[in-house]
PDB file of all heavy atoms in Angstrom:
ATOM      1  N   MET A   1       0.888  -1.195  -0.013  1.00  0.00           N
ATOM      2  CA  MET A   1      -0.018  -0.039  -0.028  1.00  0.00           C
ATOM      3  C   MET A   1       0.867   1.268  -0.014  1.00  0.00           C
ATOM      4  O   MET A   1       0.626   2.245  -0.704  1.00  0.00           O
ATOM      5  CB  MET A   1      -0.910   0.013   1.128  1.00  0.00           C
ATOM      6  CG  MET A   1      -2.042  -1.097   1.063  1.00  0.00           C
ATOM      7  SD  MET A   1      -3.366  -0.989   2.212  1.00  0.00           S
ATOM      8  CE  MET A   1      -2.554  -1.332   3.781  1.00  0.00           C
ATOM      9  N   SER A   2       1.924   1.321   0.800  1.00  0.00           N
ATOM     10  CA  SER A   2       2.835   2.351   0.844  1.00  0.00           C
ATOM     11  C   SER A   2       3.511   2.598  -0.462  1.00  0.00           C
ATOM     12  O   SER A   2       3.595   3.710  -0.920  1.00  0.00           O
ATOM     13  CB  SER A   2       3.929   2.231   1.969  1.00  0.00           C
ATOM     14  OG  SER A   2       3.323   2.164   3.198  1.00  0.00           O
ATOM     15  N   GLU A   3       3.894   1.502  -1.095  1.00  0.00           N
ATOM     16  CA  GLU A   3       4.600   1.629  -2.422  1.00  0.00           C
ATOM     17  C   GLU A   3       3.785   2.191  -3.545  1.00  0.00           C
ATOM     18  O   GLU A   3       4.285   2.843  -4.394  1.00  0.00           O
ATOM     19  CB  GLU A   3       5.193   0.287  -2.801  1.00  0.00           C
ATOM     20  CG  GLU A   3       6.274  -0.261  -2.014  1.00  0.00           C
ATOM     21  CD  GLU A   3       6.649  -1.733  -2.213  1.00  0.00           C
ATOM     22  OE1 GLU A   3       6.059  -2.296  -3.065  1.00  0.00           O
ATOM     23  OE2 GLU A   3       7.688  -2.205  -1.616  1.00  0.00           O
ATOM     24  N   VAL A   4       2.427   2.061  -3.483  1.00  0.00           N
ATOM     25  CA  VAL A   4       1.602   2.552  -4.535  1.00  0.00           C
ATOM     26  C   VAL A   4       1.077   4.034  -4.223  1.00  0.00           C
ATOM     27  O   VAL A   4       0.354   4.626  -4.993  1.00  0.00           O
ATOM     28  CB  VAL A   4       0.346   1.672  -4.843  1.00  0.00           C
ATOM     29  CG1 VAL A   4       0.823   0.338  -5.388  1.00  0.00           C
ATOM     30  CG2 VAL A   4      -0.628   1.581  -3.725  1.00  0.00           C
ATOM     31  N   GLY A   5       1.462   4.545  -2.953  1.00  0.00           N
ATOM     32  CA  GLY A   5       1.151   5.877  -2.676  1.00  0.00           C
ATOM     33  C   GLY A   5       0.069   6.094  -1.606  1.00  0.00           C
ATOM     34  O   GLY A   5      -0.392   7.250  -1.478  1.00  0.00           O
ATOM     35  N   ILE A   6      -0.332   5.097  -0.927  1.00  0.00           N
ATOM     36  CA  ILE A   6      -1.253   5.232   0.240  1.00  0.00           C
ATOM     37  C   ILE A   6      -0.454   5.681   1.385  1.00  0.00           C
ATOM     38  O   ILE A   6       0.432   4.792   1.847  1.00  0.00           O
ATOM     39  CB  ILE A   6      -2.064   3.899   0.407  1.00  0.00           C
ATOM     40  CG1 ILE A   6      -2.916   3.525  -0.861  1.00  0.00           C
ATOM     41  CG2 ILE A   6      -3.041   4.038   1.608  1.00  0.00           C
ATOM     42  CD1 ILE A   6      -3.487   2.154  -0.944  1.00  0.00           C
ATOM     43  N   VAL A   7      -0.711   6.667   2.036  1.00  0.00           N
ATOM     44  CA  VAL A   7       0.105   7.194   3.158  1.00  0.00           C
ATOM     45  C   VAL A   7      -0.606   6.870   4.511  1.00  0.00           C
ATOM     46  O   VAL A   7       0.157   6.730   5.457  1.00  0.00           O
ATOM     47  CB  VAL A   7       0.446   8.622   3.049  1.00  0.00           C
ATOM     48  CG1 VAL A   7       1.248   8.926   1.846  1.00  0.00           C
ATOM     49  CG2 VAL A   7      -0.809   9.525   2.950  1.00  0.00           C
ATOM     50  N   ASP A   8      -1.904   6.719   4.465  1.00  0.00           N
ATOM     51  CA  ASP A   8      -2.600   6.285   5.708  1.00  0.00           C
ATOM     52  C   ASP A   8      -3.916   5.604   5.329  1.00  0.00           C
ATOM     53  O   ASP A   8      -4.472   5.984   4.241  1.00  0.00           O
ATOM     54  CB  ASP A   8      -2.760   7.570   6.608  1.00  0.00           C
ATOM     55  CG  ASP A   8      -3.138   7.177   8.069  1.00  0.00           C
ATOM     56  OD1 ASP A   8      -2.973   5.975   8.424  1.00  0.00           O
ATOM     57  OD2 ASP A   8      -3.608   8.056   8.842  1.00  0.00           O
ATOM     58  N   MET A   9      -4.364   4.835   6.241  1.00  0.00           N
ATOM     59  CA  MET A   9      -5.635   4.158   5.999  1.00  0.00           C
ATOM     60  C   MET A   9      -6.250   3.873   7.371  1.00  0.00           C
ATOM     61  O   MET A   9      -5.643   3.425   8.280  1.00  0.00           O
ATOM     62  CB  MET A   9      -5.464   2.940   5.147  1.00  0.00           C
ATOM     63  CG  MET A   9      -6.779   2.109   4.918  1.00  0.00           C
ATOM     64  SD  MET A   9      -6.473   0.535   4.128  1.00  0.00           S
ATOM     65  CE  MET A   9      -6.067   1.173   2.484  1.00  0.00           C
ATOM     66  N   GLU A  10      -7.598   4.042   7.486  1.00  0.00           N
ATOM     67  CA  GLU A  10      -8.315   3.682   8.675  1.00  0.00           C
ATOM     68  C   GLU A  10      -9.555   2.980   8.190  1.00  0.00           C
ATOM     69  O   GLU A  10     -10.149   3.315   7.136  1.00  0.00           O
ATOM     70  CB  GLU A  10      -8.723   4.950   9.451  1.00  0.00           C
ATOM     71  CG  GLU A  10      -7.623   5.743  10.032  1.00  0.00           C
ATOM     72  CD  GLU A  10      -8.104   6.926  10.753  1.00  0.00           C
ATOM     73  OE1 GLU A  10      -9.307   7.152  10.925  1.00  0.00           O
ATOM     74  OE2 GLU A  10      -7.215   7.699  11.193  1.00  0.00           O
ATOM     75  N   ILE A  11      -9.969   1.887   8.921  1.00  0.00           N
ATOM     76  CA  ILE A  11     -11.214   1.134   8.646  1.00  0.00           C
ATOM     77  C   ILE A  11     -12.049   1.183   9.916  1.00  0.00           C
ATOM     78  O   ILE A  11     -11.589   0.961  10.994  1.00  0.00           O
ATOM     79  CB  ILE A  11     -10.896  -0.294   8.255  1.00  0.00           C
ATOM     80  CG1 ILE A  11      -9.987  -0.359   6.975  1.00  0.00           C
ATOM     81  CG2 ILE A  11     -12.148  -1.050   8.016  1.00  0.00           C
ATOM     82  CD1 ILE A  11      -9.566  -1.721   6.586  1.00  0.00           C
ATOM     83  N   TYR A  12     -13.297   1.536   9.573  1.00  0.00           N
ATOM     84  CA  TYR A  12     -14.293   1.626  10.770  1.00  0.00           C
ATOM     85  C   TYR A  12     -15.372   0.577  10.519  1.00  0.00           C
ATOM     86  O   TYR A  12     -15.581   0.262   9.400  1.00  0.00           O
ATOM     87  CB  TYR A  12     -14.956   3.000  10.832  1.00  0.00           C
ATOM     88  CG  TYR A  12     -13.978   4.090  11.246  1.00  0.00           C
ATOM     89  CD1 TYR A  12     -13.155   4.712  10.254  1.00  0.00           C
ATOM     90  CD2 TYR A  12     -13.828   4.528  12.547  1.00  0.00           C
ATOM     91  CE1 TYR A  12     -12.257   5.638  10.603  1.00  0.00           C
ATOM     92  CE2 TYR A  12     -12.970   5.554  12.834  1.00  0.00           C
ATOM     93  CZ  TYR A  12     -12.136   6.103  11.845  1.00  0.00           C
ATOM     94  OH  TYR A  12     -11.279   7.072  12.211  1.00  0.00           O
ATOM     95  N   LEU A  13     -15.993   0.137  11.570  1.00  0.00           N
ATOM     96  CA  LEU A  13     -17.036  -0.927  11.500  1.00  0.00           C
ATOM     97  C   LEU A  13     -18.314  -0.513  12.162  1.00  0.00           C
ATOM     98  O   LEU A  13     -18.290   0.036  13.309  1.00  0.00           O
ATOM     99  CB  LEU A  13     -16.398  -2.210  12.260  1.00  0.00           C
ATOM    100  CG  LEU A  13     -17.369  -3.401  12.443  1.00  0.00           C
ATOM    101  CD1 LEU A  13     -17.751  -4.038  11.029  1.00  0.00           C
ATOM    102  CD2 LEU A  13     -16.765  -4.493  13.383  1.00  0.00           C
ATOM    103  N   PHE A  14     -19.331  -0.713  11.509  1.00  0.00           N
ATOM    104  CA  PHE A  14     -20.752  -0.567  12.084  1.00  0.00           C
ATOM    105  C   PHE A  14     -21.530  -1.773  11.708  1.00  0.00           C
ATOM    106  O   PHE A  14     -21.716  -2.019  10.492  1.00  0.00           O
ATOM    107  CB  PHE A  14     -21.379   0.673  11.629  1.00  0.00           C
ATOM    108  CG  PHE A  14     -22.829   0.789  12.203  1.00  0.00           C
ATOM    109  CD1 PHE A  14     -22.992   1.150  13.470  1.00  0.00           C
ATOM    110  CD2 PHE A  14     -23.876   0.523  11.421  1.00  0.00           C
ATOM    111  CE1 PHE A  14     -24.346   1.259  14.037  1.00  0.00           C
ATOM    112  CE2 PHE A  14     -25.143   0.619  11.864  1.00  0.00           C
ATOM    113  CZ  PHE A  14     -25.356   0.943  13.190  1.00  0.00           C
ATOM    114  N   ASP A  15     -21.960  -2.583  12.698  1.00  0.00           N
ATOM    115  CA  ASP A  15     -22.675  -3.763  12.423  1.00  0.00           C
ATOM    116  C   ASP A  15     -21.789  -4.667  11.470  1.00  0.00           C
ATOM    117  O   ASP A  15     -20.727  -5.058  11.919  1.00  0.00           O
ATOM    118  CB  ASP A  15     -23.992  -3.436  11.841  1.00  0.00           C
ATOM    119  CG  ASP A  15     -25.007  -4.697  11.797  1.00  0.00           C
ATOM    120  OD1 ASP A  15     -24.819  -5.600  12.710  1.00  0.00           O
ATOM    121  OD2 ASP A  15     -25.887  -4.748  10.939  1.00  0.00           O
ATOM    122  N   ASN A  16     -22.217  -4.923  10.266  1.00  0.00           N
ATOM    123  CA  ASN A  16     -21.374  -5.733   9.337  1.00  0.00           C
ATOM    124  C   ASN A  16     -20.936  -4.888   8.167  1.00  0.00           C
ATOM    125  O   ASN A  16     -20.498  -5.378   7.113  1.00  0.00           O
ATOM    126  CB  ASN A  16     -22.089  -7.077   8.875  1.00  0.00           C
ATOM    127  CG  ASN A  16     -23.248  -6.731   7.977  1.00  0.00           C
ATOM    128  OD1 ASN A  16     -23.939  -5.810   8.195  1.00  0.00           O
ATOM    129  ND2 ASN A  16     -23.416  -7.545   6.998  1.00  0.00           N
ATOM    130  N   ARG A  17     -20.982  -3.579   8.225  1.00  0.00           N
ATOM    131  CA  ARG A  17     -20.555  -2.644   7.262  1.00  0.00           C
ATOM    132  C   ARG A  17     -19.240  -1.912   7.575  1.00  0.00           C
ATOM    133  O   ARG A  17     -19.075  -1.431   8.705  1.00  0.00           O
ATOM    134  CB  ARG A  17     -21.681  -1.536   7.100  1.00  0.00           C
ATOM    135  CG  ARG A  17     -21.275  -0.390   6.206  1.00  0.00           C
ATOM    136  CD  ARG A  17     -21.079  -0.789   4.700  1.00  0.00           C
ATOM    137  NE  ARG A  17     -22.401  -1.002   4.149  1.00  0.00           N
ATOM    138  CZ  ARG A  17     -22.533  -1.384   2.834  1.00  0.00           C
ATOM    139  NH1 ARG A  17     -21.515  -1.635   2.133  1.00  0.00           N
ATOM    140  NH2 ARG A  17     -23.795  -1.561   2.281  1.00  0.00           N
ATOM    141  N   LEU A  18     -18.236  -2.012   6.642  1.00  0.00           N
ATOM    142  CA  LEU A  18     -17.006  -1.414   6.828  1.00  0.00           C
ATOM    143  C   LEU A  18     -16.916  -0.090   6.128  1.00  0.00           C
ATOM    144  O   LEU A  18     -17.508   0.088   4.985  1.00  0.00           O
ATOM    145  CB  LEU A  18     -15.848  -2.283   6.298  1.00  0.00           C
ATOM    146  CG  LEU A  18     -15.749  -3.628   6.997  1.00  0.00           C
ATOM    147  CD1 LEU A  18     -14.671  -4.466   6.255  1.00  0.00           C
ATOM    148  CD2 LEU A  18     -15.326  -3.478   8.431  1.00  0.00           C
ATOM    149  N   PHE A  19     -16.265   0.866   6.605  1.00  0.00           N
ATOM    150  CA  PHE A  19     -15.985   2.247   6.093  1.00  0.00           C
ATOM    151  C   PHE A  19     -14.534   2.470   6.131  1.00  0.00           C
ATOM    152  O   PHE A  19     -13.909   2.389   7.243  1.00  0.00           O
ATOM    153  CB  PHE A  19     -16.761   3.294   6.852  1.00  0.00           C
ATOM    154  CG  PHE A  19     -16.462   4.573   6.411  1.00  0.00           C
ATOM    155  CD1 PHE A  19     -16.858   5.107   5.107  1.00  0.00           C
ATOM    156  CD2 PHE A  19     -15.786   5.569   7.240  1.00  0.00           C
ATOM    157  CE1 PHE A  19     -16.537   6.445   4.761  1.00  0.00           C
ATOM    158  CE2 PHE A  19     -15.499   6.795   6.898  1.00  0.00           C
ATOM    159  CZ  PHE A  19     -15.841   7.257   5.661  1.00  0.00           C
ATOM    160  N   MET A  20     -13.796   2.718   4.970  1.00  0.00           N
ATOM    161  CA  MET A  20     -12.460   3.010   4.848  1.00  0.00           C
ATOM    162  C   MET A  20     -12.173   4.374   4.556  1.00  0.00           C
ATOM    163  O   MET A  20     -12.795   4.910   3.642  1.00  0.00           O
ATOM    164  CB  MET A  20     -11.808   2.045   3.824  1.00  0.00           C
ATOM    165  CG  MET A  20     -10.279   2.321   3.616  1.00  0.00           C
ATOM    166  SD  MET A  20      -9.750   1.582   2.132  1.00  0.00           S
ATOM    167  CE  MET A  20      -9.827  -0.171   2.450  1.00  0.00           C
ATOM    168  N   ILE A  21     -11.304   5.070   5.214  1.00  0.00           N
ATOM    169  CA  ILE A  21     -10.624   6.278   4.780  1.00  0.00           C
ATOM    170  C   ILE A  21      -9.244   5.991   4.395  1.00  0.00           C
ATOM    171  O   ILE A  21      -8.483   5.437   5.131  1.00  0.00           O
ATOM    172  CB  ILE A  21     -10.731   7.334   5.869  1.00  0.00           C
ATOM    173  CG1 ILE A  21     -12.129   7.525   6.475  1.00  0.00           C
ATOM    174  CG2 ILE A  21     -10.039   8.634   5.546  1.00  0.00           C
ATOM    175  CD1 ILE A  21     -12.092   8.265   7.797  1.00  0.00           C
ATOM    176  N   MET A  22      -8.964   6.398   3.198  1.00  0.00           N
ATOM    177  CA  MET A  22      -7.555   6.252   2.551  1.00  0.00           C
ATOM    178  C   MET A  22      -7.106   7.496   2.064  1.00  0.00           C
ATOM    179  O   MET A  22      -7.585   8.128   1.231  1.00  0.00           O
ATOM    180  CB  MET A  22      -7.820   5.168   1.352  1.00  0.00           C
ATOM    181  CG  MET A  22      -6.569   4.779   0.708  1.00  0.00           C
ATOM    182  SD  MET A  22      -6.801   3.482  -0.572  1.00  0.00           S
ATOM    183  CE  MET A  22      -7.446   4.466  -1.932  1.00  0.00           C
ATOM    184  N   ASP A  23      -5.887   7.888   2.660  1.00  0.00           N
ATOM    185  CA  ASP A  23      -5.267   9.080   2.285  1.00  0.00           C
ATOM    186  C   ASP A  23      -3.989   8.776   1.476  1.00  0.00           C
ATOM    187  O   ASP A  23      -3.308   7.786   1.726  1.00  0.00           O
ATOM    188  CB  ASP A  23      -4.778   9.905   3.552  1.00  0.00           C
ATOM    189  CG  ASP A  23      -5.919  10.433   4.381  1.00  0.00           C
ATOM    190  OD1 ASP A  23      -7.021  10.694   3.765  1.00  0.00           O
ATOM    191  OD2 ASP A  23      -5.911  10.608   5.645  1.00  0.00           O
ATOM    192  N   THR A  24      -3.822   9.498   0.420  1.00  0.00           N
ATOM    193  CA  THR A  24      -2.742   9.109  -0.595  1.00  0.00           C
ATOM    194  C   THR A  24      -1.952  10.338  -0.904  1.00  0.00           C
ATOM    195  O   THR A  24      -2.357  11.552  -0.620  1.00  0.00           O
ATOM    196  CB  THR A  24      -3.440   8.605  -1.818  1.00  0.00           C
ATOM    197  OG1 THR A  24      -4.041   9.710  -2.563  1.00  0.00           O
ATOM    198  CG2 THR A  24      -4.369   7.453  -1.643  1.00  0.00           C
ATOM    199  N   VAL A  25      -0.828  10.051  -1.584  1.00  0.00           N
ATOM    200  CA  VAL A  25      -0.006  11.240  -2.145  1.00  0.00           C
ATOM    201  C   VAL A  25      -0.861  12.008  -3.103  1.00  0.00           C
ATOM    202  O   VAL A  25      -1.712  11.477  -3.726  1.00  0.00           O
ATOM    203  CB  VAL A  25       1.290  10.611  -2.816  1.00  0.00           C
ATOM    204  CG1 VAL A  25       2.117   9.936  -1.721  1.00  0.00           C
ATOM    205  CG2 VAL A  25       0.994   9.700  -3.923  1.00  0.00           C
ATOM    206  N   PRO A  26      -0.457  13.259  -3.258  1.00  0.00           N
ATOM    207  CA  PRO A  26      -1.253  14.167  -4.179  1.00  0.00           C
ATOM    208  C   PRO A  26      -1.409  13.663  -5.570  1.00  0.00           C
ATOM    209  O   PRO A  26      -2.450  13.828  -6.272  1.00  0.00           O
ATOM    210  CB  PRO A  26      -0.644  15.527  -4.107  1.00  0.00           C
ATOM    211  CG  PRO A  26       0.277  15.455  -2.792  1.00  0.00           C
ATOM    212  CD  PRO A  26       0.574  14.025  -2.563  1.00  0.00           C
ATOM    213  N   GLU A  27      -0.436  13.083  -6.148  1.00  0.00           N
ATOM    214  CA  GLU A  27      -0.376  12.608  -7.493  1.00  0.00           C
ATOM    215  C   GLU A  27      -1.028  11.228  -7.744  1.00  0.00           C
ATOM    216  O   GLU A  27      -0.954  10.630  -8.833  1.00  0.00           O
ATOM    217  CB  GLU A  27       0.993  12.664  -8.065  1.00  0.00           C
ATOM    218  CG  GLU A  27       1.988  11.660  -7.357  1.00  0.00           C
ATOM    219  CD  GLU A  27       2.642  12.224  -6.146  1.00  0.00           C
ATOM    220  OE1 GLU A  27       2.231  13.307  -5.699  1.00  0.00           O
ATOM    221  OE2 GLU A  27       3.589  11.602  -5.659  1.00  0.00           O
ATOM    222  N   PHE A  28      -1.672  10.694  -6.713  1.00  0.00           N
ATOM    223  CA  PHE A  28      -2.198   9.385  -6.678  1.00  0.00           C
ATOM    224  C   PHE A  28      -3.248   9.222  -7.819  1.00  0.00           C
ATOM    225  O   PHE A  28      -4.175  10.090  -7.888  1.00  0.00           O
ATOM    226  CB  PHE A  28      -2.874   9.045  -5.403  1.00  0.00           C
ATOM    227  CG  PHE A  28      -3.342   7.693  -5.206  1.00  0.00           C
ATOM    228  CD1 PHE A  28      -2.395   6.679  -4.617  1.00  0.00           C
ATOM    229  CD2 PHE A  28      -4.597   7.374  -5.298  1.00  0.00           C
ATOM    230  CE1 PHE A  28      -2.829   5.390  -4.410  1.00  0.00           C
ATOM    231  CE2 PHE A  28      -5.106   6.044  -5.000  1.00  0.00           C
ATOM    232  CZ  PHE A  28      -4.128   5.092  -4.567  1.00  0.00           C
ATOM    233  N   ASP A  29      -3.189   8.236  -8.682  1.00  0.00           N
ATOM    234  CA  ASP A  29      -4.264   7.832  -9.554  1.00  0.00           C
ATOM    235  C   ASP A  29      -4.802   6.609  -9.147  1.00  0.00           C
ATOM    236  O   ASP A  29      -4.238   5.511  -9.124  1.00  0.00           O
ATOM    237  CB  ASP A  29      -3.552   7.750 -11.003  1.00  0.00           C
ATOM    238  CG  ASP A  29      -4.664   7.299 -12.021  1.00  0.00           C
ATOM    239  OD1 ASP A  29      -5.284   8.188 -12.595  1.00  0.00           O
ATOM    240  OD2 ASP A  29      -4.829   5.995 -12.237  1.00  0.00           O
ATOM    241  N   HIS A  30      -6.083   6.648  -8.738  1.00  0.00           N
ATOM    242  CA  HIS A  30      -6.782   5.525  -8.057  1.00  0.00           C
ATOM    243  C   HIS A  30      -6.712   4.260  -8.842  1.00  0.00           C
ATOM    244  O   HIS A  30      -6.279   3.205  -8.412  1.00  0.00           O
ATOM    245  CB  HIS A  30      -8.223   5.791  -7.683  1.00  0.00           C
ATOM    246  CG  HIS A  30      -8.870   4.734  -6.919  1.00  0.00           C
ATOM    247  ND1 HIS A  30      -9.622   3.817  -7.547  1.00  0.00           N
ATOM    248  CD2 HIS A  30      -8.969   4.484  -5.605  1.00  0.00           C
ATOM    249  CE1 HIS A  30     -10.083   2.996  -6.640  1.00  0.00           C
ATOM    250  NE2 HIS A  30      -9.712   3.372  -5.453  1.00  0.00           N
ATOM    251  N   ASP A  31      -7.077   4.381 -10.212  1.00  0.00           N
ATOM    252  CA  ASP A  31      -7.296   3.059 -10.983  1.00  0.00           C
ATOM    253  C   ASP A  31      -5.871   2.344 -11.175  1.00  0.00           C
ATOM    254  O   ASP A  31      -5.752   1.187 -11.056  1.00  0.00           O
ATOM    255  CB  ASP A  31      -7.988   3.346 -12.223  1.00  0.00           C
ATOM    256  CG  ASP A  31      -9.493   3.769 -12.065  1.00  0.00           C
ATOM    257  OD1 ASP A  31      -9.924   3.467 -10.949  1.00  0.00           O
ATOM    258  OD2 ASP A  31     -10.032   4.373 -12.945  1.00  0.00           O
ATOM    259  N   SER A  32      -4.864   3.269 -11.580  1.00  0.00           N
ATOM    260  CA  SER A  32      -3.603   2.608 -11.831  1.00  0.00           C
ATOM    261  C   SER A  32      -3.020   2.082 -10.522  1.00  0.00           C
ATOM    262  O   SER A  32      -2.335   1.043 -10.512  1.00  0.00           O
ATOM    263  CB  SER A  32      -2.633   3.546 -12.586  1.00  0.00           C
ATOM    264  OG  SER A  32      -2.412   4.713 -11.829  1.00  0.00           O
ATOM    265  N   ALA A  33      -3.150   2.850  -9.417  1.00  0.00           N
ATOM    266  CA  ALA A  33      -2.589   2.353  -8.081  1.00  0.00           C
ATOM    267  C   ALA A  33      -3.151   1.012  -7.755  1.00  0.00           C
ATOM    268  O   ALA A  33      -2.489   0.176  -7.221  1.00  0.00           O
ATOM    269  CB  ALA A  33      -2.689   3.458  -7.144  1.00  0.00           C
ATOM    270  N   MET A  34      -4.553   0.931  -7.925  1.00  0.00           N
ATOM    271  CA  MET A  34      -5.218  -0.342  -7.448  1.00  0.00           C
ATOM    272  C   MET A  34      -4.753  -1.528  -8.405  1.00  0.00           C
ATOM    273  O   MET A  34      -4.570  -2.624  -7.906  1.00  0.00           O
ATOM    274  CB  MET A  34      -6.719  -0.188  -7.534  1.00  0.00           C
ATOM    275  CG  MET A  34      -7.232   0.846  -6.482  1.00  0.00           C
ATOM    276  SD  MET A  34      -6.915   0.302  -4.750  1.00  0.00           S
ATOM    277  CE  MET A  34      -5.553   1.338  -4.282  1.00  0.00           C
ATOM    278  N   ALA A  35      -4.464  -1.281  -9.688  1.00  0.00           N
ATOM    279  CA  ALA A  35      -4.048  -2.188 -10.589  1.00  0.00           C
ATOM    280  C   ALA A  35      -2.652  -2.728 -10.103  1.00  0.00           C
ATOM    281  O   ALA A  35      -2.303  -3.910 -10.151  1.00  0.00           O
ATOM    282  CB  ALA A  35      -4.021  -1.750 -11.941  1.00  0.00           C
ATOM    283  N   GLU A  36      -1.803  -1.751  -9.798  1.00  0.00           N
ATOM    284  CA  GLU A  36      -0.520  -2.060  -9.285  1.00  0.00           C
ATOM    285  C   GLU A  36      -0.466  -2.789  -8.077  1.00  0.00           C
ATOM    286  O   GLU A  36       0.209  -3.762  -7.895  1.00  0.00           O
ATOM    287  CB  GLU A  36       0.360  -0.759  -9.273  1.00  0.00           C
ATOM    288  CG  GLU A  36       1.775  -1.011  -8.886  1.00  0.00           C
ATOM    289  CD  GLU A  36       2.629   0.294  -8.583  1.00  0.00           C
ATOM    290  OE1 GLU A  36       2.152   1.459  -9.094  1.00  0.00           O
ATOM    291  OE2 GLU A  36       3.648   0.275  -7.981  1.00  0.00           O
ATOM    292  N   LEU A  37      -1.380  -2.328  -7.061  1.00  0.00           N
ATOM    293  CA  LEU A  37      -1.456  -3.011  -5.767  1.00  0.00           C
ATOM    294  C   LEU A  37      -1.801  -4.504  -5.957  1.00  0.00           C
ATOM    295  O   LEU A  37      -1.300  -5.370  -5.201  1.00  0.00           O
ATOM    296  CB  LEU A  37      -2.455  -2.288  -4.912  1.00  0.00           C
ATOM    297  CG  LEU A  37      -2.658  -2.824  -3.506  1.00  0.00           C
ATOM    298  CD1 LEU A  37      -1.320  -2.688  -2.702  1.00  0.00           C
ATOM    299  CD2 LEU A  37      -3.825  -2.121  -2.850  1.00  0.00           C
TER     300      LEU A  37
END
């Protein structure tokens, strides 16, 4: 995750639903980073 530009991540839980907050470097391209990950 760090190598593709994710600098911090938090996951929260309510019942059986997860909520993620993902902070990335400013030049982060979501689709290409997820493919690389």
